[in-house]
Every structure is written in C-alpha cells, then in structure tokens.
C-alpha atoms as a PDB file:
ATOM      1  CA  VAL A   1       6.728  68.690 -61.451  1.00  0.00           C
ATOM      2  CA  GLU A   2       3.236  67.730 -62.789  1.00  0.00           C
ATOM      3  CA  VAL A   3       3.662  69.753 -65.997  1.00  0.00           C
ATOM      4  CA  ALA A   4       7.024  67.733 -66.568  1.00  0.00           C
ATOM      5  CA  GLU A   5       5.558  64.469 -65.836  1.00  0.00           C
ATOM      6  CA  SER A   6       2.888  65.050 -68.400  1.00  0.00           C
ATOM      7  CA  LYS A   7       4.960  66.302 -71.117  1.00  0.00           C
ATOM      8  CA  ARG A   8       7.169  63.076 -70.288  1.00  0.00           C
ATOM      9  CA  LYS A   9       4.279  60.635 -70.995  1.00  0.00           C
ATOM     10  CA  GLN A  10       3.835  62.521 -74.356  1.00  0.00           C
ATOM     11  CA  ILE A  11       7.256  61.880 -75.678  1.00  0.00           C
ATOM     12  CA  LYS A  12       7.546  58.402 -77.620  1.00  0.00           C
ATOM     13  CA  SER A  13      10.712  56.326 -77.952  1.00  0.00           C
ATOM     14  CA  LEU A  14      13.073  56.958 -80.865  1.00  0.00           C
ATOM     15  CA  CYS A  15      14.172  53.367 -80.579  1.00  0.00           C
ATOM     16  CA  GLY A  16      11.346  51.277 -80.095  1.00  0.00           C
ATOM     17  CA  ILE A  17      11.374  50.851 -76.495  1.00  0.00           C
ATOM     18  CA  ALA A  18       7.852  50.314 -75.200  1.00  0.00           C
ATOM     19  CA  GLU A  19       6.949  52.817 -72.425  1.00  0.00           C
ATOM     20  CA  ASP A  20       6.581  50.099 -69.789  1.00  0.00           C
ATOM     21  CA  ALA A  21       9.869  48.099 -70.481  1.00  0.00           C
ATOM     22  CA  THR A  22      12.107  47.315 -67.865  1.00  0.00           C
ATOM     23  CA  SER A  23      14.789  45.923 -70.011  1.00  0.00           C
ATOM     24  CA  ALA A  24      16.074  46.752 -73.427  1.00  0.00           C
ATOM     25  CA  SER A  25      18.413  44.382 -75.309  1.00  0.00           C
ATOM     26  CA  PHE A  26      20.379  45.531 -78.543  1.00  0.00           C
ATOM     27  CA  PHE A  27      22.948  43.041 -78.391  1.00  0.00           C
ATOM     28  CA  ASN A  28      25.076  42.490 -81.545  1.00  0.00           C
ATOM     29  CA  ARG A  29      22.670  44.650 -83.479  1.00  0.00           C
ATOM     30  CA  GLY A  30      25.356  46.580 -85.270  1.00  0.00           C
ATOM     31  CA  LEU A  31      24.420  49.865 -83.766  1.00  0.00           C
ATOM     32  CA  GLY A  32      26.661  52.931 -84.242  1.00  0.00           C
ATOM     33  CA  PRO A  33      27.156  56.160 -82.609  1.00  0.00           C
ATOM     34  CA  VAL A  34      24.149  57.826 -83.990  1.00  0.00           C
ATOM     35  CA  ASP A  35      22.020  54.837 -82.836  1.00  0.00           C
ATOM     36  CA  ALA A  36      23.614  55.470 -79.209  1.00  0.00           C
ATOM     37  CA  ILE A  37      22.770  59.167 -79.282  1.00  0.00           C
ATOM     38  CA  LEU A  38      19.146  58.256 -80.163  1.00  0.00           C
ATOM     39  CA  LEU A  39      18.831  55.927 -77.291  1.00  0.00           C
ATOM     40  CA  ALA A  40      20.775  58.516 -75.098  1.00  0.00           C
ATOM     41  CA  PHE A  41      17.583  60.712 -75.776  1.00  0.00           C
ATOM     42  CA  ASP A  42      15.107  58.128 -75.099  1.00  0.00           C
ATOM     43  CA  LEU A  43      16.936  57.317 -71.611  1.00  0.00           C
ATOM     44  CA  ARG A  44      16.684  60.963 -70.721  1.00  0.00           C
ATOM     45  CA  VAL A  45      12.791  60.484 -70.652  1.00  0.00           C
ATOM     46  CA  ASN A  46      12.430  56.981 -69.874  1.00  0.00           C
ATOM     47  CA  ALA A  47      11.705  55.946 -66.215  1.00  0.00           C
ATOM     48  CA  THR A  48      10.926  52.336 -66.530  1.00  0.00           C
ATOM     49  CA  VAL A  49      14.342  50.565 -68.102  1.00  0.00           C
ATOM     50  CA  THR A  50      16.310  49.263 -65.485  1.00  0.00           C
ATOM     51  CA  SER A  51      18.630  46.900 -67.586  1.00  0.00           C
ATOM     52  CA  LEU A  52      20.007  47.859 -70.933  1.00  0.00           C
ATOM     53  CA  ASN A  53      22.307  45.615 -73.152  1.00  0.00           C
ATOM     54  CA  LEU A  54      24.304  47.247 -75.913  1.00  0.00           C
ATOM     55  CA  ARG A  55      27.196  44.577 -75.888  1.00  0.00           C
ATOM     56  CA  LEU A  56      28.869  43.766 -79.141  1.00  0.00           C
ATOM     57  CA  ASN A  57      27.926  46.803 -81.221  1.00  0.00           C
ATOM     58  CA  ARG A  58      29.856  49.788 -82.494  1.00  0.00           C
ATOM     59  CA  ILE A  59      28.681  52.632 -80.658  1.00  0.00           C
ATOM     60  CA  GLY A  60      32.215  53.997 -80.155  1.00  0.00           C
ATOM     61  CA  ASN A  61      33.506  56.840 -78.155  1.00  0.00           C
ATOM     62  CA  VAL A  62      30.918  59.436 -79.255  1.00  0.00           C
ATOM     63  CA  GLY A  63      28.026  57.088 -78.443  1.00  0.00           C
ATOM     64  CA  ALA A  64      29.329  55.957 -75.000  1.00  0.00           C
ATOM     65  CA  GLU A  65      29.770  59.524 -74.062  1.00  0.00           C
ATOM     66  CA  ALA A  66      26.098  60.416 -75.188  1.00  0.00           C
ATOM     67  CA  LEU A  67      24.786  57.520 -73.137  1.00  0.00           C
ATOM     68  CA  ALA A  68      26.981  58.908 -70.121  1.00  0.00           C
ATOM     69  CA  GLY A  69      25.107  62.179 -70.443  1.00  0.00           C
ATOM     70  CA  ALA A  70      21.843  60.449 -70.224  1.00  0.00           C
ATOM     71  CA  LEU A  71      22.828  58.341 -67.292  1.00  0.00           C
ATOM     72  CA  ARG A  72      23.641  61.530 -65.244  1.00  0.00           C
ATOM     73  CA  VAL A  73      19.947  62.324 -65.415  1.00  0.00           C
ATOM     74  CA  ASN A  74      18.474  58.848 -65.627  1.00  0.00           C
ATOM     75  CA  ALA A  75      18.894  57.126 -62.244  1.00  0.00           C
ATOM     76  CA  THR A  76      16.646  54.150 -63.076  1.00  0.00           C
ATOM     77  CA  VAL A  77      19.207  52.107 -65.225  1.00  0.00           C
ATOM     78  CA  THR A  78      20.842  49.963 -63.057  1.00  0.00           C
ATOM     79  CA  ARG A  79      22.529  47.277 -65.273  1.00  0.00           C
ATOM     80  CA  LEU A  80      24.520  48.456 -68.418  1.00  0.00           C
ATOM     81  CA  ASP A  81      26.373  46.384 -70.716  1.00  0.00           C
ATOM     82  CA  LEU A  82      28.794  48.359 -73.053  1.00  0.00           C
ATOM     83  CA  SER A  83      31.377  45.728 -73.562  1.00  0.00           C
ATOM     84  CA  GLY A  84      32.587  45.096 -77.043  1.00  0.00           C
ATOM     85  CA  ASN A  85      32.134  48.467 -78.449  1.00  0.00           C
ATOM     86  CA  GLY A  86      35.559  49.525 -78.725  1.00  0.00           C
ATOM     87  CA  LEU A  87      35.664  52.239 -76.386  1.00  0.00           C
ATOM     88  CA  SER A  88      38.669  54.112 -75.443  1.00  0.00           C
ATOM     89  CA  ASP A  89      40.025  54.391 -71.642  1.00  0.00           C
ATOM     90  CA  LYS A  90      38.877  58.146 -71.721  1.00  0.00           C
ATOM     91  CA  SER A  91      35.072  57.127 -72.677  1.00  0.00           C
ATOM     92  CA  LYS A  92      35.118  54.184 -70.276  1.00  0.00           C
ATOM     93  CA  SER A  93      36.194  56.838 -67.461  1.00  0.00           C
ATOM     94  CA  VAL A  94      33.317  59.173 -68.422  1.00  0.00           C
ATOM     95  CA  VAL A  95      30.776  56.372 -68.260  1.00  0.00           C
ATOM     96  CA  ARG A  96      32.265  55.210 -65.174  1.00  0.00           C
ATOM     97  CA  GLN A  97      31.918  58.703 -63.460  1.00  0.00           C
ATOM     98  CA  ALA A  98      28.149  58.976 -64.841  1.00  0.00           C
ATOM     99  CA  TRP A  99      27.706  55.766 -62.989  1.00  0.00           C
ATOM    100  CA  ARG A 100      29.296  56.289 -59.733  1.00  0.00           C
ATOM    101  CA  HIS A 101      26.172  56.637 -57.724  1.00  0.00           C
ATOM    102  CA  ARG A 102      25.035  53.258 -58.651  1.00  0.00           C
ATOM    103  CA  SER A 103      26.391  49.885 -57.165  1.00  0.00           C
ATOM    104  CA  ASP A 104      27.617  47.001 -59.611  1.00  0.00           C
ATOM    105  CA  GLY A 105      25.795  46.447 -62.931  1.00  0.00           C
ATOM    106  CA  LEU A 106      28.213  48.145 -65.304  1.00  0.00           C
ATOM    107  CA  ARG A 107      30.257  46.163 -67.963  1.00  0.00           C
ATOM    108  CA  LEU A 108      32.627  48.036 -70.197  1.00  0.00           C
END
C-alpha cells in the first residue's frame, strides 16, 4: 500500500486540478468526451476532490461512461453534477450504478 500511495503522489493532474483541491468546477466550459476521459483518469488517482461540477458541457455518453468507471474506484467524490450534457438513459443508468454506494449528491 505504501508503494501505491507514493506513486499516486507522483502523478500530476491532466486537467489542472490542484492536488489539494476539494472541489472542481468545469461548468459550461465546452468540454467534450475526450476531456471527460482525461478527467476520469485524474479521478482515479485523486483522493481530495469531493465535489465536481460538469454541468452544461458536451461530454456525451462516452465521457459519462468513462467518469462512471472512475467513480467505481474513487469513493471521495460525494457531489457530481452532469446535468445538461445530453446523456442517454443508458449512460445515466451506468453513472447511477457507479454512484449506488453514495447518498444524494448526483445530478443528471
């Protein structure tokens, strides 16, 4: 576990999230699926962000499903807003499934 933790600290954010940030807002920034995939990578190694706002972007189904994959390994995020991203019912379901062990805090 110590090795994994030391490696985690060496990885820098691909999306510019400060390593000690507890929230990140990308509200209405025109983000697309590729941006969401990069953000999903960040979430896999970030243990400080608890709130993520991705409202009114264009991350689409591919981006939402990448984020869902990251949420399965990141238990730190407790507030997530993906509303206004044109997600299909299937993608919303995938995100809800990844979110199932958390209480409220999810907006689709």
